[in-house]
Amino acid sequence: MDSVSTKKSPKVALVCDWLTTVGGAESVLLTLHEMYPSAPIYTSKYNQKGIDWFKDADVRTGWLQIFPTCLRRFISPLRQSYFSHLDLSSYDIVISVTGAEAKSVRTSPKTRTKGNKTEQTEHRCHHLCYCHVPTQYYWAMYDDYLKNPGFGILNPLARLGLKLFVKPLRKKDYAAAQRPDQFITISHYAKDQIKKYYGREAEIIYPPLDFKKFSTGSGKRDVFSTTNQPKSQTKKQHNYVTTSRQVNWKRIDLCIKACLRTGDQLVVIGDGPEHKSLVKLADGARNIHFLEAMPQSELKQYLASADAFLFPSMEPFGLAPIEALAVGTPVIAYGKGGALDYVIPGKNGILFSEQTTASLAAVLKKFNPTDYSTKDIIASAAPFDKKFFKQKIQEAVDAAFKNQ
């Protein structure tokens, strides 16, 4: 007769850097919340107006909640302090979803004093860190942030602060990266970065895509006709779409410049601190159109109706391109970073080699959407279905809890 385990379910806590906007990291956290609905979510800043996905969750913030959301990037040293003093060692499993400071939380074994000796108690909390990438403004993208910190008129002050404090901040960030018991990450690029900067090994579990939601019920229809696009007499125009937070390192400017050069239609969906400068760059061109962020039900209609999704940034993964693949739209991506894990040239998209207008424009000029099979494109997104994410995360949690 097989023995039946009587060990209780683990007491789980979730941690994230901040909860202020909708994005890929927040999608990961939402899936974890679906898996562990009773687990509290600890974070530095929560703005329910910016993200309403966690109304039913127990979201816990601390003293950093008093700071305005707009100061989020200014207060990274304060976040280091906040998370490093956040003691979650009473939980069995802590899962941090982070690309910044949340990995700093305290999950060390509890101790007790007995006579003149300090002993470790039997309870052991396992910290599983789902790390997108080492903190980019300290490490791989330090030079990019130094060139354009993204603070507008306060850029000179931000540059000075980053130059003065980057060494001690890196030291603390490295020390924080030694705290988790286990690293899981999102792509081969991110795995290499974690090894390079933190000296830690990481398992790859791809971020979760709600594959069924995107791959069914979208259909092809001409939503682009609402943009009143002009007709070209010299070249068949293609319809392109891109969507992301509009920050400088996402390089949405490349999409605009390239389409201004080729005359193709471009729909830019989203908002962010770079929005005004991107609108200025487009300079009223009739083939460049800006739309606000929209519900997924509407977004997938634009994704499905586009000839291709443009992904010009160098990111550790990128969930938006996977969503495009799930509706059968090929992806044109910069050929570095996480895109190499899912863009298969000739099958579901094409890569451009340099992060320049000329390189992207050259690919747009030779791109032919009829070269791709919608069925094959959709099939290429299936391995990123969140059911696989849930399965692999649950296996990691079960193994950690079993070994406690």
Protein backbone atom coordinates (compact mmCIF):
# COMPACT_ATOMS: atom_id res chain seq x y z
CA MET A 1 0.00 0.00 0.00
CA ASP A 2 1.40 3.38 -0.97
CA SER A 3 2.14 5.75 1.86
CA VAL A 4 0.16 8.95 1.85
CA SER A 5 1.93 12.18 2.72
CA THR A 6 0.32 14.07 5.59
CA LYS A 7 2.44 17.19 5.13
CA LYS A 8 0.31 20.30 5.00
CA SER A 9 0.20 22.70 2.06
CA PRO A 10 2.92 25.32 2.12
CA LYS A 11 2.32 28.79 3.47
CA VAL A 12 3.15 30.97 0.46
CA ALA A 13 3.93 34.67 0.10
CA LEU A 14 4.38 36.59 -3.16
CA VAL A 15 6.67 39.60 -3.57
CA CYS A 16 7.12 42.08 -6.42
CA ASP A 17 9.04 45.32 -6.91
CA TRP A 18 5.93 47.49 -7.40
CA LEU A 19 2.35 47.27 -8.68
CA THR A 20 1.61 50.50 -10.52
CA THR A 21 1.03 49.63 -14.21
CA VAL A 22 0.07 46.73 -16.44
CA GLY A 23 2.98 44.81 -17.98
CA GLY A 24 4.73 41.48 -18.41
CA ALA A 25 5.94 41.22 -14.81
CA GLU A 26 2.43 41.92 -13.59
CA SER A 27 1.09 39.15 -15.85
CA VAL A 28 3.48 36.72 -14.17
CA LEU A 29 2.33 37.85 -10.74
CA LEU A 30 -1.33 37.53 -11.76
CA THR A 31 -0.78 33.91 -12.79
CA LEU A 32 0.94 33.20 -9.47
CA HIS A 33 -2.00 34.83 -7.70
CA GLU A 34 -4.31 32.46 -9.59
CA MET A 35 -2.21 29.56 -8.32
CA TYR A 36 -1.99 30.82 -4.73
CA PRO A 37 -5.04 33.10 -4.20
CA SER A 38 -4.63 33.21 -0.41
CA ALA A 39 -0.96 34.24 -0.57
CA PRO A 40 -0.41 37.89 0.40
CA ILE A 41 1.41 40.07 -2.11
CA TYR A 42 4.15 42.26 -0.65
CA THR A 43 5.28 45.23 -2.70
CA SER A 44 6.81 48.68 -2.35
CA LYS A 45 4.08 50.65 -4.11
CA TYR A 46 0.51 49.79 -5.14
CA ASN A 47 -1.63 51.93 -7.44
CA GLN A 48 -4.98 50.25 -8.05
CA LYS A 49 -5.92 52.88 -10.64
CA GLY A 50 -2.90 51.91 -12.72
CA ILE A 51 -3.57 48.17 -12.43
CA ASP A 52 -6.91 46.75 -11.31
CA TRP A 53 -6.01 43.06 -11.62
CA PHE A 54 -5.54 42.47 -7.89
CA LYS A 55 -8.74 43.81 -6.35
CA ASP A 56 -9.39 40.45 -4.70
CA ALA A 57 -5.81 40.05 -3.45
CA ASP A 58 -4.25 40.81 -0.08
CA VAL A 59 -1.75 43.43 -1.27
CA ARG A 60 0.54 44.69 1.49
CA THR A 61 2.68 47.80 1.26
CA GLY A 62 4.83 49.68 3.74
CA TRP A 63 6.18 53.16 4.28
CA LEU A 64 7.17 53.59 0.61
CA GLN A 65 3.48 53.77 -0.25
CA ILE A 66 3.48 57.44 0.80
CA PHE A 67 5.73 58.40 -2.13
CA PRO A 68 4.05 59.45 -5.41
CA THR A 69 4.18 56.87 -8.19
CA CYS A 70 6.12 59.28 -10.40
CA LEU A 71 9.09 59.03 -8.01
CA ARG A 72 9.32 55.26 -8.36
CA ARG A 73 12.60 55.26 -10.29
CA PHE A 74 14.14 57.89 -8.02
CA ILE A 75 13.84 55.83 -4.86
CA SER A 76 15.61 52.58 -5.74
CA PRO A 77 18.02 52.94 -2.75
CA LEU A 78 15.00 53.27 -0.49
CA ARG A 79 13.48 50.14 -2.03
CA GLN A 80 16.71 48.27 -1.30
CA SER A 81 16.38 49.28 2.32
CA TYR A 82 12.67 48.50 2.47
CA PHE A 83 12.88 45.01 1.02
CA SER A 84 16.10 44.07 2.85
CA HIS A 85 14.30 44.71 6.15
CA LEU A 86 11.12 42.89 5.13
CA ASP A 87 11.19 39.66 7.12
CA LEU A 88 9.16 36.89 5.46
CA SER A 89 10.89 33.98 7.17
CA SER A 90 7.62 32.83 8.78
CA TYR A 91 6.41 31.55 5.39
CA ASP A 92 7.28 28.16 3.93
CA ILE A 93 7.68 29.44 0.37
CA VAL A 94 8.37 32.98 -0.83
CA ILE A 95 8.17 33.65 -4.57
CA SER A 96 9.62 36.99 -5.64
CA VAL A 97 8.87 38.32 -9.11
CA THR A 98 11.56 40.88 -9.73
CA GLY A 99 13.87 42.74 -12.03
CA ALA A 100 14.98 45.10 -9.28
CA GLU A 101 14.97 45.09 -5.46
CA ALA A 102 12.30 42.59 -4.31
CA LYS A 103 14.83 39.77 -4.22
CA SER A 104 16.30 41.47 -1.12
CA VAL A 105 13.58 40.20 1.25
CA ARG A 106 14.71 38.36 4.36
CA THR A 107 13.89 34.64 4.36
CA SER A 108 16.82 33.32 6.41
CA PRO A 109 16.12 30.58 8.96
CA LYS A 110 14.85 31.84 12.28
CA THR A 111 17.22 31.55 15.23
CA ARG A 112 16.78 31.28 18.98
CA THR A 113 19.15 31.79 21.88
CA LYS A 114 19.69 28.85 24.22
CA GLY A 115 22.12 29.60 27.00
CA ASN A 116 25.21 31.08 25.39
CA LYS A 117 24.46 29.53 22.01
CA THR A 118 22.39 30.70 19.07
CA GLU A 119 20.54 27.86 17.38
CA GLN A 120 18.61 27.64 14.14
CA THR A 121 14.96 26.66 14.52
CA GLU A 122 13.53 23.83 12.46
CA HIS A 123 11.50 26.17 10.25
CA ARG A 124 13.14 26.91 6.92
CA CYS A 125 11.68 29.29 4.36
CA HIS A 126 12.53 28.62 0.71
CA HIS A 127 12.93 31.74 -1.43
CA LEU A 128 12.24 31.09 -5.11
CA CYS A 129 13.22 34.14 -7.14
CA TYR A 130 11.57 34.54 -10.55
CA CYS A 131 14.09 37.04 -11.87
CA HIS A 132 13.45 38.77 -15.19
CA VAL A 133 17.00 40.06 -15.40
CA PRO A 134 19.63 41.59 -13.08
CA THR A 135 18.68 45.16 -12.17
CA GLN A 136 19.24 46.83 -15.52
CA TYR A 137 20.03 50.36 -14.35
CA TYR A 138 22.96 48.98 -12.30
CA TRP A 139 24.29 46.44 -14.77
CA ALA A 140 23.69 45.69 -18.48
CA MET A 141 21.83 48.90 -19.34
CA TYR A 142 23.74 51.27 -17.05
CA ASP A 143 25.20 53.23 -19.99
CA ASP A 144 21.78 53.54 -21.65
CA TYR A 145 20.20 54.86 -18.46
CA LEU A 146 23.11 57.25 -18.02
CA LYS A 147 22.54 58.70 -21.49
CA ASN A 148 18.83 59.13 -20.93
CA PRO A 149 17.57 58.41 -17.41
CA GLY A 150 14.06 59.32 -18.50
CA PHE A 151 13.45 62.11 -15.96
CA GLY A 152 13.10 64.99 -18.42
CA ILE A 153 14.42 68.24 -16.98
CA LEU A 154 15.72 66.31 -13.97
CA ASN A 155 18.01 64.13 -16.13
CA PRO A 156 21.22 65.96 -15.05
CA LEU A 157 20.39 65.30 -11.39
CA ALA A 158 19.54 61.67 -12.12
CA ARG A 159 22.82 61.17 -14.01
CA LEU A 160 24.82 62.65 -11.15
CA GLY A 161 23.07 60.46 -8.60
CA LEU A 162 23.59 57.31 -10.68
CA LYS A 163 27.29 58.07 -11.20
CA LEU A 164 27.88 58.81 -7.51
CA PHE A 165 26.03 55.86 -6.06
CA VAL A 166 26.18 53.09 -8.66
CA LYS A 167 29.12 51.27 -7.02
CA PRO A 168 27.57 50.87 -3.56
CA LEU A 169 24.17 50.14 -5.15
CA ARG A 170 25.72 47.40 -7.27
CA LYS A 171 27.40 45.95 -4.20
CA LYS A 172 24.09 45.83 -2.34
CA ASP A 173 22.27 44.44 -5.38
CA TYR A 174 24.83 41.65 -5.74
CA ALA A 175 24.53 40.84 -2.03
CA ALA A 176 20.74 40.75 -2.35
CA ALA A 177 21.05 38.30 -5.25
CA GLN A 178 22.78 35.84 -2.94
CA ARG A 179 19.74 35.64 -0.65
CA PRO A 180 17.30 33.58 -2.76
CA ASP A 181 17.63 29.81 -2.51
CA GLN A 182 16.70 29.30 -6.14
CA PHE A 183 16.66 31.36 -9.32
CA ILE A 184 14.17 30.89 -12.14
CA THR A 185 14.26 33.17 -15.16
CA ILE A 186 12.56 33.96 -18.44
CA SER A 187 15.00 33.31 -21.31
CA HIS A 188 18.47 32.14 -22.24
CA TYR A 189 19.60 35.75 -22.41
CA ALA A 190 18.38 36.41 -18.85
CA LYS A 191 19.98 33.17 -17.65
CA ASP A 192 23.35 34.33 -19.01
CA GLN A 193 22.93 37.77 -17.44
CA ILE A 194 22.16 36.29 -14.01
CA LYS A 195 25.26 34.13 -14.23
CA LYS A 196 27.40 37.05 -15.42
CA TYR A 197 26.38 39.64 -12.83
CA TYR A 198 25.19 37.57 -9.87
CA GLY A 199 27.20 34.36 -10.25
CA ARG A 200 24.00 32.33 -9.87
CA GLU A 201 22.58 29.51 -11.96
CA ALA A 202 18.96 29.79 -13.09
CA GLU A 203 16.33 27.49 -14.53
CA ILE A 204 14.29 28.81 -17.47
CA ILE A 205 10.50 28.83 -17.17
CA TYR A 206 8.97 31.04 -19.82
CA PRO A 207 6.49 33.74 -18.70
CA PRO A 208 2.81 32.74 -18.93
CA LEU A 209 0.66 33.52 -21.96
CA ASP A 210 -3.11 33.10 -21.86
CA PHE A 211 -2.84 31.22 -25.15
CA LYS A 212 -6.51 30.34 -25.47
CA LYS A 213 -7.61 33.95 -24.94
CA PHE A 214 -5.40 35.21 -27.77
CA SER A 215 -5.55 32.28 -30.18
CA THR A 216 -9.35 32.05 -30.34
CA GLY A 217 -12.00 34.56 -31.33
CA SER A 218 -9.67 37.19 -32.76
CA GLY A 219 -10.10 36.69 -36.49
CA LYS A 220 -8.80 38.83 -39.29
CA ARG A 221 -10.62 42.07 -39.95
CA ASP A 222 -9.53 45.42 -41.25
CA VAL A 223 -9.35 47.50 -38.07
CA PHE A 224 -6.65 49.51 -39.81
CA SER A 225 -9.22 50.96 -42.21
CA THR A 226 -10.33 53.25 -39.39
CA THR A 227 -7.01 55.10 -39.63
CA ASN A 228 -7.92 56.60 -43.03
CA GLN A 229 -4.62 55.52 -44.47
CA PRO A 230 -3.47 57.00 -47.79
CA LYS A 231 -2.93 54.67 -50.72
CA SER A 232 0.54 54.26 -52.16
CA GLN A 233 0.87 54.10 -55.93
CA THR A 234 4.43 52.80 -55.90
CA LYS A 235 4.44 50.12 -53.20
CA LYS A 236 1.92 47.95 -51.44
CA GLN A 237 1.71 49.29 -47.93
CA HIS A 238 1.88 46.97 -44.99
CA ASN A 239 0.10 47.47 -41.69
CA TYR A 240 2.34 47.22 -38.64
CA VAL A 241 1.54 47.46 -34.95
CA THR A 242 3.67 47.84 -31.83
CA THR A 243 2.64 48.11 -28.19
CA SER A 244 4.61 48.69 -25.02
CA ARG A 245 5.30 51.12 -22.24
CA GLN A 246 6.69 54.13 -24.04
CA VAL A 247 10.09 54.55 -22.40
CA ASN A 248 13.29 55.44 -24.21
CA TRP A 249 14.98 52.05 -24.12
CA LYS A 250 11.98 50.35 -25.79
CA ARG A 251 13.09 52.15 -29.00
CA ILE A 252 9.63 52.80 -30.40
CA ASP A 253 11.32 55.69 -32.20
CA LEU A 254 12.91 53.16 -34.57
CA CYS A 255 9.48 51.91 -35.64
CA ILE A 256 8.30 55.44 -36.36
CA LYS A 257 11.44 56.46 -38.25
CA ALA A 258 11.46 53.25 -40.30
CA CYS A 259 7.80 53.58 -41.29
CA LEU A 260 8.27 57.24 -42.13
CA ARG A 261 11.01 56.05 -44.48
CA THR A 262 9.04 53.18 -46.07
CA GLY A 263 5.55 54.75 -46.03
CA ASP A 264 4.02 51.73 -44.28
CA GLN A 265 1.19 52.14 -41.81
CA LEU A 266 2.10 51.96 -38.12
CA VAL A 267 -0.21 51.85 -35.13
CA VAL A 268 1.53 52.60 -31.81
CA ILE A 269 -0.50 51.40 -28.83
CA GLY A 270 0.29 52.46 -25.27
CA ASP A 271 1.54 55.36 -23.23
CA GLY A 272 4.48 56.41 -21.11
CA PRO A 273 6.99 59.17 -20.40
CA GLU A 274 8.21 59.18 -24.03
CA HIS A 275 4.76 59.57 -25.56
CA LYS A 276 4.99 63.29 -26.30
CA SER A 277 8.41 62.98 -27.89
CA LEU A 278 7.20 60.08 -30.07
CA VAL A 279 4.19 62.09 -31.24
CA LYS A 280 6.53 64.98 -32.02
CA LEU A 281 8.80 62.63 -33.95
CA ALA A 282 5.87 61.45 -36.10
CA ASP A 283 5.17 65.12 -36.86
CA GLY A 284 1.57 64.51 -37.93
CA ALA A 285 2.45 61.93 -40.60
CA ARG A 286 -0.71 60.30 -41.96
CA ASN A 287 0.76 56.79 -41.76
CA ILE A 288 1.65 56.94 -38.03
CA HIS A 289 -1.24 56.50 -35.59
CA PHE A 290 -1.25 56.56 -31.78
CA LEU A 291 -3.80 54.73 -29.65
CA GLU A 292 -4.13 54.49 -25.89
CA ALA A 293 -3.65 51.22 -24.04
CA MET A 294 -6.73 49.04 -24.51
CA PRO A 295 -8.34 45.87 -23.13
CA GLN A 296 -6.92 42.60 -24.42
CA SER A 297 -10.16 41.83 -26.25
CA GLU A 298 -9.64 44.93 -28.39
CA LEU A 299 -5.86 44.68 -28.55
CA LYS A 300 -5.91 41.24 -30.12
CA GLN A 301 -8.02 42.58 -33.00
CA TYR A 302 -5.21 44.99 -33.87
CA LEU A 303 -2.61 42.27 -33.43
CA ALA A 304 -4.54 39.82 -35.62
CA SER A 305 -5.20 42.39 -38.35
CA ALA A 306 -1.60 43.60 -38.63
CA ASP A 307 0.78 42.22 -41.22
CA ALA A 308 3.46 42.07 -38.52
CA PHE A 309 4.22 43.09 -34.96
CA LEU A 310 7.30 45.30 -34.56
CA PHE A 311 9.55 44.63 -31.57
CA PRO A 312 12.60 46.92 -31.72
CA SER A 313 13.80 46.77 -28.11
CA MET A 314 16.47 44.57 -26.58
CA GLU A 315 14.59 42.84 -23.79
CA PRO A 316 15.17 39.74 -21.69
CA PHE A 317 11.89 38.34 -23.05
CA GLY A 318 8.88 40.37 -24.19
CA LEU A 319 5.34 39.05 -23.73
CA ALA A 320 3.68 41.32 -26.31
CA PRO A 321 5.39 39.59 -29.29
CA ILE A 322 4.19 36.21 -27.99
CA GLU A 323 0.64 37.57 -27.88
CA ALA A 324 1.04 38.60 -31.53
CA LEU A 325 2.25 35.12 -32.46
CA ALA A 326 -0.73 33.58 -30.65
CA VAL A 327 -3.15 35.39 -32.97
CA GLY A 328 -1.16 34.35 -36.04
CA THR A 329 0.80 37.54 -36.70
CA PRO A 330 4.53 37.30 -37.51
CA VAL A 331 7.03 39.29 -35.44
CA ILE A 332 9.78 41.54 -36.77
CA ALA A 333 12.25 41.84 -33.89
CA TYR A 334 15.69 43.09 -33.04
CA GLY A 335 17.90 40.02 -33.15
CA LYS A 336 19.23 40.05 -29.59
CA GLY A 337 17.92 39.23 -26.14
CA GLY A 338 14.81 37.21 -25.40
CA ALA A 339 13.47 37.43 -28.96
CA LEU A 340 15.94 34.70 -29.93
CA ASP A 341 13.93 32.27 -27.77
CA TYR A 342 10.76 32.54 -29.84
CA VAL A 343 11.32 34.27 -33.22
CA ILE A 344 12.16 31.59 -35.78
CA PRO A 345 13.21 33.36 -39.00
CA GLY A 346 11.22 32.15 -41.98
CA LYS A 347 8.62 30.42 -39.80
CA ASN A 348 7.05 33.02 -37.52
CA GLY A 349 8.97 36.22 -38.19
CA ILE A 350 12.21 37.88 -39.10
CA LEU A 351 15.10 39.47 -37.19
CA PHE A 352 16.92 42.70 -37.98
CA SER A 353 20.58 42.78 -37.02
CA GLU A 354 21.25 46.33 -35.82
CA GLN A 355 19.19 48.55 -33.56
CA THR A 356 19.04 51.30 -36.18
CA THR A 357 16.43 52.86 -38.45
CA ALA A 358 18.28 51.66 -41.56
CA SER A 359 18.43 48.05 -40.39
CA LEU A 360 14.73 47.91 -39.51
CA ALA A 361 13.66 49.78 -42.65
CA ALA A 362 15.63 47.35 -44.84
CA VAL A 363 13.72 44.41 -43.34
CA LEU A 364 10.36 46.18 -43.73
CA LYS A 365 11.06 46.76 -47.42
CA LYS A 366 11.64 43.08 -48.11
CA PHE A 367 9.04 41.69 -45.69
CA ASN A 368 6.20 39.73 -47.32
CA PRO A 369 3.42 38.51 -44.98
CA THR A 370 2.33 35.86 -47.49
CA ASP A 371 5.60 34.02 -46.80
CA TYR A 372 4.22 32.88 -43.45
CA SER A 373 1.60 30.33 -42.43
CA THR A 374 -0.88 31.59 -39.84
CA LYS A 375 -1.27 28.06 -38.52
CA ASP A 376 2.47 27.64 -38.03
CA ILE A 377 2.77 31.03 -36.35
CA ILE A 378 0.03 30.20 -33.84
CA ALA A 379 1.60 26.80 -33.17
CA SER A 380 4.92 28.48 -32.35
CA ALA A 381 3.27 30.35 -29.45
CA ALA A 382 1.62 27.27 -27.92
CA PRO A 383 4.67 26.24 -25.79
CA PHE A 384 4.31 29.54 -23.91
CA ASP A 385 0.80 28.72 -22.66
CA LYS A 386 0.45 29.52 -18.97
CA LYS A 387 -0.56 25.93 -18.21
CA PHE A 388 3.09 24.97 -18.69
CA PHE A 389 4.24 27.85 -16.49
CA LYS A 390 1.86 26.76 -13.73
CA GLN A 391 2.94 23.15 -14.01
CA LYS A 392 6.65 23.92 -13.78
CA ILE A 393 6.29 26.47 -10.97
CA GLN A 394 4.17 24.02 -8.99
CA GLU A 395 6.81 21.34 -9.46
CA ALA A 396 9.48 23.72 -8.15
CA VAL A 397 7.37 24.68 -5.14
CA ASP A 398 6.50 21.06 -4.34
CA ALA A 399 10.15 20.00 -4.54
CA ALA A 400 11.28 22.85 -2.30
CA PHE A 401 8.54 22.19 0.28
CA LYS A 402 9.23 18.45 0.27
CA ASN A 403 12.89 19.05 1.07
CA GLN A 404 12.28 21.41 3.97
